[in-house]
Structures are given as C-alpha cells and as structure tokens.
C-alpha cells in the first residue's frame, strides 16, 4: 500500500474515532447529568469544543480563500476590541483552552499592520 493511501486511511480512521467518541461522551453526558442545568451546558460546550479542535487538527485544512485575508477595517482591531475580544482572550487563558490549543494557534495579542 502506498504511503499516501496509508496516511489517508489513518486520517479517516482517526476522524471516525473522534466522531464515535463525541457521540458516546455526549450520550453519557445526557444520561448522567440533568439537561436543564448550567453544569450540563458548561460540560457540553467544552466537550464539543475539544472534539472540534481534535477534528480540525486532524484535517489540517489550508485556509487559502480570499475570505481569510484581513480587510482594511479589521487590521487595527478596534471593532473587535469594542466587542470585548481582549476579555474573551483572557477568559480562554484562565479556563485552560489556550493550553489545549497552544501548538497550532496560541491565544496572544498580535498586532497586524
């Protein structure tokens, strides 16, 4: 079997495993935690965030579309600062999300000129 087919099959296997684990853990969460409480919403949110991160890291899709090029009005970040992006960034660091995602995209302040 050529190496590219092996890598492709391995990637598909990992994606299927991530999907199965996600479904299984969400089922377990629904079964053992009441769905009308804050704890359920909190755990579900971070569980899904973790699996989306695992899924996207496995795919490693190149974002080459013109959609991802900074627009002139975005470059200084004033619009995002007015929506509180700096507070959100600090929250992500406090709850540990930055440590999970540190390898590929650390949460840090980057000035774009």
Protein backbone atom coordinates (compact mmCIF):
# COMPACT_ATOMS: atom_id res chain seq x y z
CA UNK A 1 0.00 0.00 0.00
CA UNK A 2 1.47 3.40 -0.97
CA UNK A 3 2.32 5.81 1.88
CA UNK A 4 -0.27 8.39 0.77
CA UNK A 5 -3.08 5.79 0.93
CA UNK A 6 -1.89 4.69 4.37
CA UNK A 7 -1.93 8.31 5.64
CA UNK A 8 -5.35 8.87 4.14
CA UNK A 9 -6.78 5.72 5.73
CA UNK A 10 -5.17 6.62 9.07
CA UNK A 11 -6.68 10.13 8.93
CA UNK A 12 -10.13 8.74 8.09
CA UNK A 13 -9.85 6.22 10.94
CA UNK A 14 -8.94 8.96 13.41
CA UNK A 15 -11.84 11.14 12.23
CA UNK A 16 -14.27 8.23 12.62
CA UNK A 17 -12.89 7.51 16.11
CA UNK A 18 -13.28 11.18 17.10
CA UNK A 19 -16.88 11.13 15.87
CA UNK A 20 -17.69 7.92 17.75
CA UNK A 21 -16.07 9.25 20.95
CA UNK A 22 -18.02 12.50 20.64
CA UNK A 23 -21.33 10.70 20.23
CA UNK A 24 -20.53 8.34 23.09
CA UNK A 25 -19.49 11.06 25.51
CA UNK A 26 -22.46 13.29 24.63
CA UNK A 27 -24.76 10.29 25.20
CA UNK A 28 -23.09 9.65 28.58
CA UNK A 29 -23.43 13.31 29.49
CA UNK A 30 -27.13 13.32 28.59
CA UNK A 31 -27.69 10.16 30.56
CA UNK A 32 -25.97 11.20 33.79
CA UNK A 33 -26.38 15.00 34.05
CA UNK A 34 -29.72 16.80 34.01
CA UNK A 35 -30.09 18.70 30.76
CA UNK A 36 -31.74 21.76 32.28
CA UNK A 37 -28.80 22.87 34.41
CA UNK A 38 -25.77 25.06 33.99
CA UNK A 39 -23.37 22.13 34.54
CA UNK A 40 -24.76 20.30 31.52
CA UNK A 41 -24.40 23.34 29.27
CA UNK A 42 -20.88 24.06 30.53
CA UNK A 43 -19.60 20.49 30.13
CA UNK A 44 -21.31 20.02 26.76
CA UNK A 45 -19.81 23.26 25.43
CA UNK A 46 -16.24 22.35 26.37
CA UNK A 47 -16.64 18.74 25.33
CA UNK A 48 -17.74 19.81 21.86
CA UNK A 49 -15.02 22.49 21.68
CA UNK A 50 -12.40 19.84 22.50
CA UNK A 51 -13.63 17.44 19.83
CA UNK A 52 -13.93 20.17 17.20
CA UNK A 53 -10.32 21.08 17.95
CA UNK A 54 -9.26 17.43 17.61
CA UNK A 55 -11.22 17.07 14.36
CA UNK A 56 -9.84 20.23 12.75
CA UNK A 57 -6.28 19.45 13.87
CA UNK A 58 -6.58 16.06 12.21
CA UNK A 59 -7.82 17.60 8.95
CA UNK A 60 -5.30 20.49 8.84
CA UNK A 61 -7.19 22.31 6.11
CA UNK A 62 -5.39 25.19 4.39
CA UNK A 63 -7.38 28.41 4.67
CA UNK A 64 -6.46 29.90 1.28
CA UNK A 65 -9.76 31.59 0.40
CA UNK A 66 -9.82 35.39 -0.04
CA UNK A 67 -12.36 35.36 2.81
CA UNK A 68 -9.47 34.93 5.26
CA UNK A 69 -7.47 37.94 4.07
CA UNK A 70 -7.72 40.84 6.54
CA UNK A 71 -9.95 43.66 5.38
CA UNK A 72 -8.81 47.26 5.79
CA UNK A 73 -11.34 47.97 8.55
CA UNK A 74 -10.19 44.88 10.52
CA UNK A 75 -6.46 45.47 10.56
CA UNK A 76 -6.18 47.70 13.63
CA UNK A 77 -8.66 45.58 15.60
CA UNK A 78 -10.72 48.47 17.01
CA UNK A 79 -14.04 46.83 16.05
CA UNK A 80 -13.10 43.62 17.85
CA UNK A 81 -11.80 45.48 20.89
CA UNK A 82 -15.15 47.27 21.18
CA UNK A 83 -16.87 43.85 21.33
CA UNK A 84 -14.57 42.78 24.18
CA UNK A 85 -12.19 40.43 22.39
CA UNK A 86 -9.42 41.12 24.92
CA UNK A 87 -11.65 39.99 27.81
CA UNK A 88 -12.63 36.86 25.88
CA UNK A 89 -8.95 36.12 25.19
CA UNK A 90 -8.18 36.40 28.92
CA UNK A 91 -11.11 34.09 29.71
CA UNK A 92 -9.76 31.45 27.32
CA UNK A 93 -6.38 31.58 29.02
CA UNK A 94 -7.97 31.36 32.50
CA UNK A 95 -10.08 28.29 31.71
CA UNK A 96 -7.18 26.46 30.08
CA UNK A 97 -8.35 26.50 26.47
CA UNK A 98 -5.11 28.17 25.45
CA UNK A 99 -3.11 25.18 26.75
CA UNK A 100 -5.19 22.73 24.69
CA UNK A 101 -4.85 24.80 21.55
CA UNK A 102 -1.32 26.14 22.16
CA UNK A 103 0.51 24.14 19.49
CA UNK A 104 -1.44 25.34 16.49
CA UNK A 105 -2.80 28.76 17.44
CA UNK A 106 -1.83 30.28 20.79
CA UNK A 107 -4.09 32.92 22.29
CA UNK A 108 -1.95 36.01 22.28
CA UNK A 109 -2.23 39.62 21.26
CA UNK A 110 -0.88 40.06 17.76
CA UNK A 111 -0.74 43.48 16.14
CA UNK A 112 -1.44 43.34 12.43
CA UNK A 113 -0.27 46.25 10.37
